[in-house]
Amino acid sequence: MSKRSAVVLCLVGSMLLPSAVLARGHRGGGGFGMIFSAAAAFNAQRAAWERREAAAEKIRRAKNNQERMKYAELARKQGKPRLAATLYLRVALSRKEKYAPAAKAALKQMAAEGQAEMKKADELLAQNKIVEAFEKLDYLAWAYEDVPNFNEEIKSHVTRLHNESRYQAVLNEKPAADMLAQAQAAEQDDARCCAFWMYEATAKLVPAPSAIKAEERYEAMKKDPEIVAEAEECRTLHECDKLFHQAELLEKSLPEKAEALFKDILAKAPRDSEVHQSAKQELAKLHPGAKR
């Protein structure tokens, strides 16, 4: 396999430069699809919350408000506040409904419960139990999203705390350390272009200590024109590879669009690259008069 082919496989297998934006205040930007990130951690946690409440999903299809009130109470007792709040809110918004006052009262009680839990999370912060505190705060923001008054309070509170650098340094350290280790491993394997972009992505998790180290290495690599040129070529080949797959999908349904994409590849990709040659061959098939 050629060096360029190996580079493309490295990038195609791992790099998602425009995406993987970190969630709920864990600061960062583009990164690598196969790299652990704060966004991935939060999404995994959220999925766990949703699975916990999904067991009572049939409750959401209650036939009337009397059933919704019953199921809401059950969900609340089972520790499923998001489900309970959703049901209560639906009843509370009903017009001329005899159960609406009770639903509104329940939501008011839930708001008070949420405020009490938020204070407990703040106490954890005061004890320097930062990760544990934010896990609780993020959960409260998710679970009480449908609780009037408190939902805005917890959302604002969580956003403000997430924006404080002293907490970001702790919250971002685990993903930053994992990403830094992968960048260093890539560099040791002489996959410098992959390492270059990994360091760049990790640096976006500053002020985490590992992100600061990655930023220092990234800045050092940027001073080497050869590495920068190699990294830029890798990115171009990766982008052209994506364009090629898009064009392939459009060849039969939208041949004119596919042709435009193939031409775009020819304009961007190096002439001796595999993706350039493949695009040239596919374009020939679409040329008027050629066999299809």
C-alpha atoms as a PDB file:
ATOM      1  CA  MET A   1       0.000   0.000   0.000  1.00  0.00           C
ATOM      2  CA  SER A   2       1.320   3.456  -0.863  1.00  0.00           C
ATOM      3  CA  LYS A   3       2.046   6.011   1.820  1.00  0.00           C
ATOM      4  CA  ARG A   4      -0.752   8.203   0.471  1.00  0.00           C
ATOM      5  CA  SER A   5      -3.209   5.295   0.637  1.00  0.00           C
ATOM      6  CA  ALA A   6      -2.242   4.580   4.224  1.00  0.00           C
ATOM      7  CA  VAL A   7      -2.729   8.233   5.083  1.00  0.00           C
ATOM      8  CA  VAL A   8      -6.181   8.283   3.533  1.00  0.00           C
ATOM      9  CA  LEU A   9      -7.224   5.169   5.449  1.00  0.00           C
ATOM     10  CA  CYS A  10      -5.974   6.741   8.663  1.00  0.00           C
ATOM     11  CA  LEU A  11      -8.046   9.865   8.071  1.00  0.00           C
ATOM     12  CA  VAL A  12     -11.140   8.177   6.697  1.00  0.00           C
ATOM     13  CA  GLY A  13     -11.203   5.808   9.640  1.00  0.00           C
ATOM     14  CA  SER A  14     -10.904   8.423  12.321  1.00  0.00           C
ATOM     15  CA  MET A  15     -11.254  12.034  11.267  1.00  0.00           C
ATOM     16  CA  LEU A  16     -14.436  14.099  11.450  1.00  0.00           C
ATOM     17  CA  LEU A  17     -13.039  17.594  11.416  1.00  0.00           C
ATOM     18  CA  PRO A  18     -16.227  19.691  11.209  1.00  0.00           C
ATOM     19  CA  SER A  19     -18.227  17.780  13.816  1.00  0.00           C
ATOM     20  CA  ALA A  20     -18.071  16.261  17.309  1.00  0.00           C
ATOM     21  CA  VAL A  21     -18.786  19.565  19.018  1.00  0.00           C
ATOM     22  CA  LEU A  22     -18.648  19.091  22.750  1.00  0.00           C
ATOM     23  CA  ALA A  23     -21.908  19.200  24.635  1.00  0.00           C
ATOM     24  CA  ARG A  24     -23.334  21.313  27.430  1.00  0.00           C
ATOM     25  CA  GLY A  25     -20.405  23.605  28.027  1.00  0.00           C
ATOM     26  CA  HIS A  26     -17.582  21.077  27.805  1.00  0.00           C
ATOM     27  CA  ARG A  27     -15.598  23.317  25.493  1.00  0.00           C
ATOM     28  CA  GLY A  28     -14.099  22.116  22.273  1.00  0.00           C
ATOM     29  CA  GLY A  29     -14.480  21.879  18.550  1.00  0.00           C
ATOM     30  CA  GLY A  30     -13.678  19.501  15.706  1.00  0.00           C
ATOM     31  CA  GLY A  31     -12.154  16.141  16.509  1.00  0.00           C
ATOM     32  CA  PHE A  32     -11.912  12.485  15.534  1.00  0.00           C
ATOM     33  CA  GLY A  33     -14.842  10.117  15.212  1.00  0.00           C
ATOM     34  CA  MET A  34     -13.169   7.214  16.969  1.00  0.00           C
ATOM     35  CA  ILE A  35     -11.694   9.291  19.795  1.00  0.00           C
ATOM     36  CA  PHE A  36     -13.360   9.450  23.192  1.00  0.00           C
ATOM     37  CA  SER A  37     -14.655  12.967  23.825  1.00  0.00           C
ATOM     38  CA  ALA A  38     -16.637  14.902  26.380  1.00  0.00           C
ATOM     39  CA  ALA A  39     -19.526  14.891  23.910  1.00  0.00           C
ATOM     40  CA  ALA A  40     -19.409  11.106  23.634  1.00  0.00           C
ATOM     41  CA  ALA A  41     -19.338  10.763  27.401  1.00  0.00           C
ATOM     42  CA  PHE A  42     -22.315  13.057  27.854  1.00  0.00           C
ATOM     43  CA  ASN A  43     -24.285  11.355  25.092  1.00  0.00           C
ATOM     44  CA  ALA A  44     -23.613   7.956  26.641  1.00  0.00           C
ATOM     45  CA  GLN A  45     -24.814   9.222  30.005  1.00  0.00           C
ATOM     46  CA  ARG A  46     -27.919  10.736  28.469  1.00  0.00           C
ATOM     47  CA  ALA A  47     -28.670   7.462  26.683  1.00  0.00           C
ATOM     48  CA  ALA A  48     -28.482   5.707  30.045  1.00  0.00           C
ATOM     49  CA  TRP A  49     -30.981   8.175  31.516  1.00  0.00           C
ATOM     50  CA  GLU A  50     -33.335   7.637  28.596  1.00  0.00           C
ATOM     51  CA  ARG A  51     -33.110   3.857  28.904  1.00  0.00           C
ATOM     52  CA  ARG A  52     -34.002   4.154  32.565  1.00  0.00           C
ATOM     53  CA  GLU A  53     -37.191   6.000  31.776  1.00  0.00           C
ATOM     54  CA  ALA A  54     -38.029   4.114  28.569  1.00  0.00           C
ATOM     55  CA  ALA A  55     -39.413   1.165  30.559  1.00  0.00           C
ATOM     56  CA  ALA A  56     -42.530   3.242  31.156  1.00  0.00           C
ATOM     57  CA  GLU A  57     -42.781   4.551  27.599  1.00  0.00           C
ATOM     58  CA  LYS A  58     -46.258   3.061  27.183  1.00  0.00           C
ATOM     59  CA  ILE A  59     -47.382   5.453  29.885  1.00  0.00           C
ATOM     60  CA  ARG A  60     -46.957   8.318  27.424  1.00  0.00           C
ATOM     61  CA  ARG A  61     -49.796   6.852  25.393  1.00  0.00           C
ATOM     62  CA  ALA A  62     -52.310   7.064  28.213  1.00  0.00           C
ATOM     63  CA  LYS A  63     -55.854   7.455  26.883  1.00  0.00           C
ATOM     64  CA  ASN A  64     -57.000  10.273  29.141  1.00  0.00           C
ATOM     65  CA  ASN A  65     -55.828  12.699  31.809  1.00  0.00           C
ATOM     66  CA  GLN A  66     -56.958  10.497  34.656  1.00  0.00           C
ATOM     67  CA  GLU A  67     -54.582   7.800  33.438  1.00  0.00           C
ATOM     68  CA  ARG A  68     -51.842  10.358  32.833  1.00  0.00           C
ATOM     69  CA  MET A  69     -52.088  11.569  36.437  1.00  0.00           C
ATOM     70  CA  LYS A  70     -51.894   7.993  37.703  1.00  0.00           C
ATOM     71  CA  TYR A  71     -48.907   7.155  35.540  1.00  0.00           C
ATOM     72  CA  ALA A  72     -47.200  10.440  36.413  1.00  0.00           C
ATOM     73  CA  GLU A  73     -47.400   9.634  40.118  1.00  0.00           C
ATOM     74  CA  LEU A  74     -46.029   6.166  39.423  1.00  0.00           C
ATOM     75  CA  ALA A  75     -43.130   7.547  37.373  1.00  0.00           C
ATOM     76  CA  ARG A  76     -42.355  10.040  40.096  1.00  0.00           C
ATOM     77  CA  LYS A  77     -42.240   7.328  42.765  1.00  0.00           C
ATOM     78  CA  GLN A  78     -39.989   5.234  40.540  1.00  0.00           C
ATOM     79  CA  GLY A  79     -37.481   8.071  40.246  1.00  0.00           C
ATOM     80  CA  LYS A  80     -38.352   9.079  36.685  1.00  0.00           C
ATOM     81  CA  PRO A  81     -38.910  12.821  36.987  1.00  0.00           C
ATOM     82  CA  ARG A  82     -38.613  13.615  33.285  1.00  0.00           C
ATOM     83  CA  LEU A  83     -41.434  11.229  32.401  1.00  0.00           C
ATOM     84  CA  ALA A  84     -43.542  12.445  35.314  1.00  0.00           C
ATOM     85  CA  ALA A  85     -43.057  16.094  34.372  1.00  0.00           C
ATOM     86  CA  THR A  86     -43.979  15.427  30.736  1.00  0.00           C
ATOM     87  CA  LEU A  87     -47.249  13.816  31.793  1.00  0.00           C
ATOM     88  CA  TYR A  88     -48.082  16.464  34.390  1.00  0.00           C
ATOM     89  CA  LEU A  89     -47.393  19.263  31.935  1.00  0.00           C
ATOM     90  CA  ARG A  90     -49.691  17.765  29.338  1.00  0.00           C
ATOM     91  CA  VAL A  91     -52.516  17.608  31.871  1.00  0.00           C
ATOM     92  CA  ALA A  92     -51.741  21.070  33.259  1.00  0.00           C
ATOM     93  CA  LEU A  93     -52.039  22.618  29.793  1.00  0.00           C
ATOM     94  CA  SER A  94     -55.468  21.069  29.194  1.00  0.00           C
ATOM     95  CA  ARG A  95     -58.315  23.555  29.051  1.00  0.00           C
ATOM     96  CA  LYS A  96     -61.311  23.177  31.373  1.00  0.00           C
ATOM     97  CA  GLU A  97     -59.799  20.000  32.773  1.00  0.00           C
ATOM     98  CA  LYS A  98     -60.600  19.011  36.341  1.00  0.00           C
ATOM     99  CA  TYR A  99     -57.182  17.397  36.797  1.00  0.00           C
ATOM    100  CA  ALA A 100     -55.257  20.489  35.658  1.00  0.00           C
ATOM    101  CA  PRO A 101     -55.015  22.128  39.133  1.00  0.00           C
ATOM    102  CA  ALA A 102     -53.594  18.921  40.620  1.00  0.00           C
ATOM    103  CA  ALA A 103     -51.088  18.634  37.778  1.00  0.00           C
ATOM    104  CA  LYS A 104     -49.970  22.240  38.273  1.00  0.00           C
ATOM    105  CA  ALA A 105     -49.578  21.637  41.997  1.00  0.00           C
ATOM    106  CA  ALA A 106     -47.471  18.539  41.305  1.00  0.00           C
ATOM    107  CA  LEU A 107     -45.224  20.493  38.947  1.00  0.00           C
ATOM    108  CA  LYS A 108     -44.780  23.162  41.619  1.00  0.00           C
ATOM    109  CA  GLN A 109     -43.727  20.455  44.077  1.00  0.00           C
ATOM    110  CA  MET A 110     -41.309  19.059  41.528  1.00  0.00           C
ATOM    111  CA  ALA A 111     -39.789  22.512  41.076  1.00  0.00           C
ATOM    112  CA  ALA A 112     -39.130  22.666  44.814  1.00  0.00           C
ATOM    113  CA  GLU A 113     -37.626  19.171  44.713  1.00  0.00           C
ATOM    114  CA  GLY A 114     -35.397  20.186  41.818  1.00  0.00           C
ATOM    115  CA  GLN A 115     -34.168  23.260  43.676  1.00  0.00           C
ATOM    116  CA  ALA A 116     -33.295  21.103  46.676  1.00  0.00           C
ATOM    117  CA  GLU A 117     -31.336  18.700  44.461  1.00  0.00           C
ATOM    118  CA  MET A 118     -29.565  21.606  42.793  1.00  0.00           C
ATOM    119  CA  LYS A 119     -28.402  22.827  46.200  1.00  0.00           C
ATOM    120  CA  LYS A 120     -27.016  19.346  46.918  1.00  0.00           C
ATOM    121  CA  ALA A 121     -25.049  19.491  43.676  1.00  0.00           C
ATOM    122  CA  ASP A 122     -23.680  22.912  44.629  1.00  0.00           C
ATOM    123  CA  GLU A 123     -22.585  21.435  47.956  1.00  0.00           C
ATOM    124  CA  LEU A 124     -20.629  18.795  46.046  1.00  0.00           C
ATOM    125  CA  LEU A 125     -18.902  21.587  44.140  1.00  0.00           C
ATOM    126  CA  ALA A 126     -17.999  23.260  47.415  1.00  0.00           C
ATOM    127  CA  GLN A 127     -16.417  19.949  48.476  1.00  0.00           C
ATOM    128  CA  ASN A 128     -14.403  19.963  45.212  1.00  0.00           C
ATOM    129  CA  LYS A 129     -16.272  16.904  43.930  1.00  0.00           C
ATOM    130  CA  ILE A 130     -16.506  18.518  40.514  1.00  0.00           C
ATOM    131  CA  VAL A 131     -17.193  15.557  38.239  1.00  0.00           C
ATOM    132  CA  GLU A 132     -19.840  14.141  40.570  1.00  0.00           C
ATOM    133  CA  ALA A 133     -21.457  17.554  40.935  1.00  0.00           C
ATOM    134  CA  PHE A 134     -21.694  18.157  37.196  1.00  0.00           C
ATOM    135  CA  GLU A 135     -23.078  14.699  36.563  1.00  0.00           C
ATOM    136  CA  LYS A 136     -25.888  15.601  38.949  1.00  0.00           C
ATOM    137  CA  LEU A 137     -26.376  19.076  37.503  1.00  0.00           C
ATOM    138  CA  ASP A 138     -26.486  17.830  33.908  1.00  0.00           C
ATOM    139  CA  TYR A 139     -29.011  15.205  34.917  1.00  0.00           C
ATOM    140  CA  LEU A 140     -31.222  17.766  36.663  1.00  0.00           C
ATOM    141  CA  ALA A 141     -31.179  20.014  33.585  1.00  0.00           C
ATOM    142  CA  TRP A 142     -32.298  17.050  31.481  1.00  0.00           C
ATOM    143  CA  ALA A 143     -34.791  15.492  33.914  1.00  0.00           C
ATOM    144  CA  TYR A 144     -36.563  18.741  34.857  1.00  0.00           C
ATOM    145  CA  GLU A 145     -36.715  20.244  31.385  1.00  0.00           C
ATOM    146  CA  ASP A 146     -40.547  20.218  31.447  1.00  0.00           C
ATOM    147  CA  VAL A 147     -40.912  21.645  34.951  1.00  0.00           C
ATOM    148  CA  PRO A 148     -41.995  25.311  34.662  1.00  0.00           C
ATOM    149  CA  ASN A 149     -39.886  27.944  36.414  1.00  0.00           C
ATOM    150  CA  PHE A 150     -37.241  25.540  37.657  1.00  0.00           C
ATOM    151  CA  ASN A 151     -36.293  24.407  34.144  1.00  0.00           C
ATOM    152  CA  GLU A 152     -34.964  27.854  33.237  1.00  0.00           C
ATOM    153  CA  GLU A 153     -33.274  28.233  36.606  1.00  0.00           C
ATOM    154  CA  ILE A 154     -31.337  24.973  36.361  1.00  0.00           C
ATOM    155  CA  LYS A 155     -30.473  25.520  32.697  1.00  0.00           C
ATOM    156  CA  SER A 156     -29.033  28.962  33.412  1.00  0.00           C
ATOM    157  CA  HIS A 157     -27.193  27.692  36.477  1.00  0.00           C
ATOM    158  CA  VAL A 158     -25.611  24.753  34.654  1.00  0.00           C
ATOM    159  CA  THR A 159     -24.594  26.858  31.653  1.00  0.00           C
ATOM    160  CA  ARG A 160     -22.915  29.454  33.849  1.00  0.00           C
ATOM    161  CA  LEU A 161     -20.951  26.844  35.793  1.00  0.00           C
ATOM    162  CA  HIS A 162     -19.878  24.997  32.660  1.00  0.00           C
ATOM    163  CA  ASN A 163     -18.414  28.234  31.324  1.00  0.00           C
ATOM    164  CA  GLU A 164     -16.068  28.643  34.300  1.00  0.00           C
ATOM    165  CA  SER A 165     -12.522  27.664  33.312  1.00  0.00           C
ATOM    166  CA  ARG A 166     -11.720  26.165  36.727  1.00  0.00           C
ATOM    167  CA  TYR A 167     -14.387  23.520  36.103  1.00  0.00           C
ATOM    168  CA  GLN A 168     -13.611  23.070  32.421  1.00  0.00           C
ATOM    169  CA  ALA A 169     -10.051  22.125  33.330  1.00  0.00           C
ATOM    170  CA  VAL A 170     -11.329  19.196  35.370  1.00  0.00           C
ATOM    171  CA  LEU A 171     -14.256  18.155  33.169  1.00  0.00           C
ATOM    172  CA  ASN A 172     -12.200  18.139  29.981  1.00  0.00           C
ATOM    173  CA  GLU A 173      -9.157  16.363  31.366  1.00  0.00           C
ATOM    174  CA  LYS A 174     -10.307  12.762  30.869  1.00  0.00           C
ATOM    175  CA  PRO A 175     -11.184  13.122  27.169  1.00  0.00           C
ATOM    176  CA  ALA A 176      -8.144  15.344  26.630  1.00  0.00           C
ATOM    177  CA  ALA A 177      -5.823  12.755  28.184  1.00  0.00           C
ATOM    178  CA  ASP A 178      -7.283   9.986  26.017  1.00  0.00           C
ATOM    179  CA  MET A 179      -6.984  12.076  22.854  1.00  0.00           C
ATOM    180  CA  LEU A 180      -3.444  13.162  23.716  1.00  0.00           C
ATOM    181  CA  ALA A 181      -2.396   9.525  24.165  1.00  0.00           C
ATOM    182  CA  GLN A 182      -3.799   8.643  20.746  1.00  0.00           C
ATOM    183  CA  ALA A 183      -2.079  11.606  19.127  1.00  0.00           C
ATOM    184  CA  GLN A 184       1.235  10.612  20.658  1.00  0.00           C
ATOM    185  CA  ALA A 185       0.757   7.009  19.525  1.00  0.00           C
ATOM    186  CA  ALA A 186       0.011   8.181  15.974  1.00  0.00           C
ATOM    187  CA  GLU A 187       3.154  10.298  15.965  1.00  0.00           C
ATOM    188  CA  GLN A 188       5.251   7.367  17.180  1.00  0.00           C
ATOM    189  CA  ASP A 189       3.817   5.278  14.338  1.00  0.00           C
ATOM    190  CA  ASP A 190       5.019   7.964  11.913  1.00  0.00           C
ATOM    191  CA  ALA A 191       1.429   8.941  11.063  1.00  0.00           C
ATOM    192  CA  ARG A 192       2.344  12.589  11.459  1.00  0.00           C
ATOM    193  CA  CYS A 193      -0.638  14.014   9.617  1.00  0.00           C
ATOM    194  CA  CYS A 194      -3.060  12.121  11.856  1.00  0.00           C
ATOM    195  CA  ALA A 195      -1.129  13.193  14.927  1.00  0.00           C
ATOM    196  CA  PHE A 196      -1.184  16.807  13.722  1.00  0.00           C
ATOM    197  CA  TRP A 197      -4.980  16.941  13.509  1.00  0.00           C
ATOM    198  CA  MET A 198      -5.395  14.969  16.748  1.00  0.00           C
ATOM    199  CA  TYR A 199      -3.215  17.460  18.595  1.00  0.00           C
ATOM    200  CA  GLU A 200      -5.243  20.304  17.113  1.00  0.00           C
ATOM    201  CA  ALA A 201      -8.520  18.720  18.235  1.00  0.00           C
ATOM    202  CA  THR A 202      -7.170  17.995  21.726  1.00  0.00           C
ATOM    203  CA  ALA A 203      -5.929  21.561  22.094  1.00  0.00           C
ATOM    204  CA  LYS A 204      -9.531  22.735  21.835  1.00  0.00           C
ATOM    205  CA  LEU A 205     -10.134  21.210  25.291  1.00  0.00           C
ATOM    206  CA  VAL A 206      -7.932  23.809  26.991  1.00  0.00           C
ATOM    207  CA  PRO A 207      -7.673  24.558  29.929  1.00  0.00           C
ATOM    208  CA  ALA A 208      -7.381  20.819  30.680  1.00  0.00           C
ATOM    209  CA  PRO A 209      -3.704  20.042  31.467  1.00  0.00           C
ATOM    210  CA  SER A 210      -3.462  17.361  28.755  1.00  0.00           C
ATOM    211  CA  ALA A 211      -4.981  19.798  26.248  1.00  0.00           C
ATOM    212  CA  ILE A 212      -2.309  22.346  27.103  1.00  0.00           C
ATOM    213  CA  LYS A 213       0.366  19.734  26.359  1.00  0.00           C
ATOM    214  CA  ALA A 214      -1.337  18.918  23.064  1.00  0.00           C
ATOM    215  CA  GLU A 215      -1.492  22.601  22.181  1.00  0.00           C
ATOM    216  CA  GLU A 216       2.228  22.968  22.793  1.00  0.00           C
ATOM    217  CA  ARG A 217       3.016  20.006  20.530  1.00  0.00           C
ATOM    218  CA  TYR A 218       0.590  21.225  17.874  1.00  0.00           C
ATOM    219  CA  GLU A 219       2.220  24.652  17.801  1.00  0.00           C
ATOM    220  CA  ALA A 220       5.651  23.012  17.501  1.00  0.00           C
ATOM    221  CA  MET A 221       4.493  20.855  14.577  1.00  0.00           C
ATOM    222  CA  LYS A 222       3.021  23.918  12.844  1.00  0.00           C
ATOM    223  CA  LYS A 223       6.547  25.325  12.574  1.00  0.00           C
ATOM    224  CA  ASP A 224       7.576  22.446  10.315  1.00  0.00           C
ATOM    225  CA  PRO A 225       6.436  23.271   6.738  1.00  0.00           C
ATOM    226  CA  GLU A 226       6.789  19.651   5.666  1.00  0.00           C
ATOM    227  CA  ILE A 227       4.404  18.405   8.375  1.00  0.00           C
ATOM    228  CA  VAL A 228       1.896  21.181   7.661  1.00  0.00           C
ATOM    229  CA  ALA A 229       1.941  20.415   3.934  1.00  0.00           C
ATOM    230  CA  GLU A 230       1.488  16.711   4.603  1.00  0.00           C
ATOM    231  CA  ALA A 231      -1.396  17.382   6.990  1.00  0.00           C
ATOM    232  CA  GLU A 232      -3.122  19.708   4.536  1.00  0.00           C
ATOM    233  CA  GLU A 233      -2.776  17.126   1.774  1.00  0.00           C
ATOM    234  CA  CYS A 234      -4.252  14.503   4.083  1.00  0.00           C
ATOM    235  CA  ARG A 235      -7.225  16.738   4.805  1.00  0.00           C
ATOM    236  CA  THR A 236      -7.741  17.431   1.109  1.00  0.00           C
ATOM    237  CA  LEU A 237      -7.656  13.722   0.291  1.00  0.00           C
ATOM    238  CA  HIS A 238     -10.108  13.010   3.097  1.00  0.00           C
ATOM    239  CA  GLU A 239     -12.523  15.663   1.827  1.00  0.00           C
ATOM    240  CA  CYS A 240     -12.205  14.356  -1.728  1.00  0.00           C
ATOM    241  CA  ASP A 241     -12.855  10.818  -0.537  1.00  0.00           C
ATOM    242  CA  LYS A 242     -16.128  11.989   1.003  1.00  0.00           C
ATOM    243  CA  LEU A 243     -17.052  13.812  -2.197  1.00  0.00           C
ATOM    244  CA  PHE A 244     -16.319  10.673  -4.205  1.00  0.00           C
ATOM    245  CA  HIS A 245     -18.678   8.552  -2.113  1.00  0.00           C
ATOM    246  CA  GLN A 246     -21.385  11.209  -2.403  1.00  0.00           C
ATOM    247  CA  ALA A 247     -20.948  11.278  -6.172  1.00  0.00           C
ATOM    248  CA  GLU A 248     -21.158   7.492  -6.374  1.00  0.00           C
ATOM    249  CA  LEU A 249     -24.541   7.584  -4.654  1.00  0.00           C
ATOM    250  CA  LEU A 250     -25.795  10.194  -7.130  1.00  0.00           C
ATOM    251  CA  GLU A 251     -24.513   8.710 -10.379  1.00  0.00           C
ATOM    252  CA  LYS A 252     -27.801   7.065 -11.342  1.00  0.00           C
ATOM    253  CA  SER A 253     -30.359   9.416  -9.806  1.00  0.00           C
ATOM    254  CA  LEU A 254     -28.623  12.768 -10.361  1.00  0.00           C
ATOM    255  CA  PRO A 255     -25.828  12.281 -12.914  1.00  0.00           C
ATOM    256  CA  GLU A 256     -25.319  16.033 -13.415  1.00  0.00           C
ATOM    257  CA  LYS A 257     -24.738  16.524  -9.684  1.00  0.00           C
ATOM    258  CA  ALA A 258     -22.403  13.530  -9.598  1.00  0.00           C
ATOM    259  CA  GLU A 259     -20.460  14.950 -12.552  1.00  0.00           C
ATOM    260  CA  ALA A 260     -20.031  18.255 -10.742  1.00  0.00           C
ATOM    261  CA  LEU A 261     -18.670  16.469  -7.677  1.00  0.00           C
ATOM    262  CA  PHE A 262     -16.224  14.411  -9.724  1.00  0.00           C
ATOM    263  CA  LYS A 263     -14.972  17.590 -11.397  1.00  0.00           C
ATOM    264  CA  ASP A 264     -14.569  19.177  -7.967  1.00  0.00           C
ATOM    265  CA  ILE A 265     -12.377  16.244  -6.942  1.00  0.00           C
ATOM    266  CA  LEU A 266     -10.228  16.633 -10.045  1.00  0.00           C
ATOM    267  CA  ALA A 267      -9.692  20.285  -9.180  1.00  0.00           C
ATOM    268  CA  LYS A 268      -8.704  19.583  -5.555  1.00  0.00           C
ATOM    269  CA  ALA A 269      -6.976  16.200  -5.355  1.00  0.00           C
ATOM    270  CA  PRO A 270      -3.320  15.674  -6.396  1.00  0.00           C
ATOM    271  CA  ARG A 271      -3.091  14.176  -9.904  1.00  0.00           C
ATOM    272  CA  ASP A 272      -1.209  11.095  -8.684  1.00  0.00           C
ATOM    273  CA  SER A 273      -3.723  10.291  -5.935  1.00  0.00           C
ATOM    274  CA  GLU A 274      -6.014   7.292  -6.159  1.00  0.00           C
ATOM    275  CA  VAL A 275      -9.140   9.392  -5.591  1.00  0.00           C
ATOM    276  CA  HIS A 276      -8.165  11.702  -8.493  1.00  0.00           C
ATOM    277  CA  GLN A 277      -7.726   8.753 -10.846  1.00  0.00           C
ATOM    278  CA  SER A 278     -10.970   7.124  -9.695  1.00  0.00           C
ATOM    279  CA  ALA A 279     -12.916  10.369 -10.174  1.00  0.00           C
ATOM    280  CA  LYS A 280     -11.444  10.734 -13.659  1.00  0.00           C
ATOM    281  CA  GLN A 281     -12.600   7.218 -14.592  1.00  0.00           C
ATOM    282  CA  GLU A 282     -16.119   7.784 -13.236  1.00  0.00           C
ATOM    283  CA  LEU A 283     -16.377  11.125 -15.006  1.00  0.00           C
ATOM    284  CA  ALA A 284     -15.512   9.431 -18.289  1.00  0.00           C
ATOM    285  CA  LYS A 285     -18.463   7.082 -17.821  1.00  0.00           C
ATOM    286  CA  LEU A 286     -20.808  10.038 -17.410  1.00  0.00           C
ATOM    287  CA  HIS A 287     -19.461  11.935 -20.415  1.00  0.00           C
ATOM    288  CA  PRO A 288     -22.002  12.247 -23.232  1.00  0.00           C
ATOM    289  CA  GLY A 289     -21.562   9.483 -25.782  1.00  0.00           C
ATOM    290  CA  ALA A 290     -19.818   7.107 -23.426  1.00  0.00           C
ATOM    291  CA  LYS A 291     -21.395   3.762 -22.560  1.00  0.00           C
ATOM    292  CA  ARG A 292     -23.282   3.850 -19.266  1.00  0.00           C
END
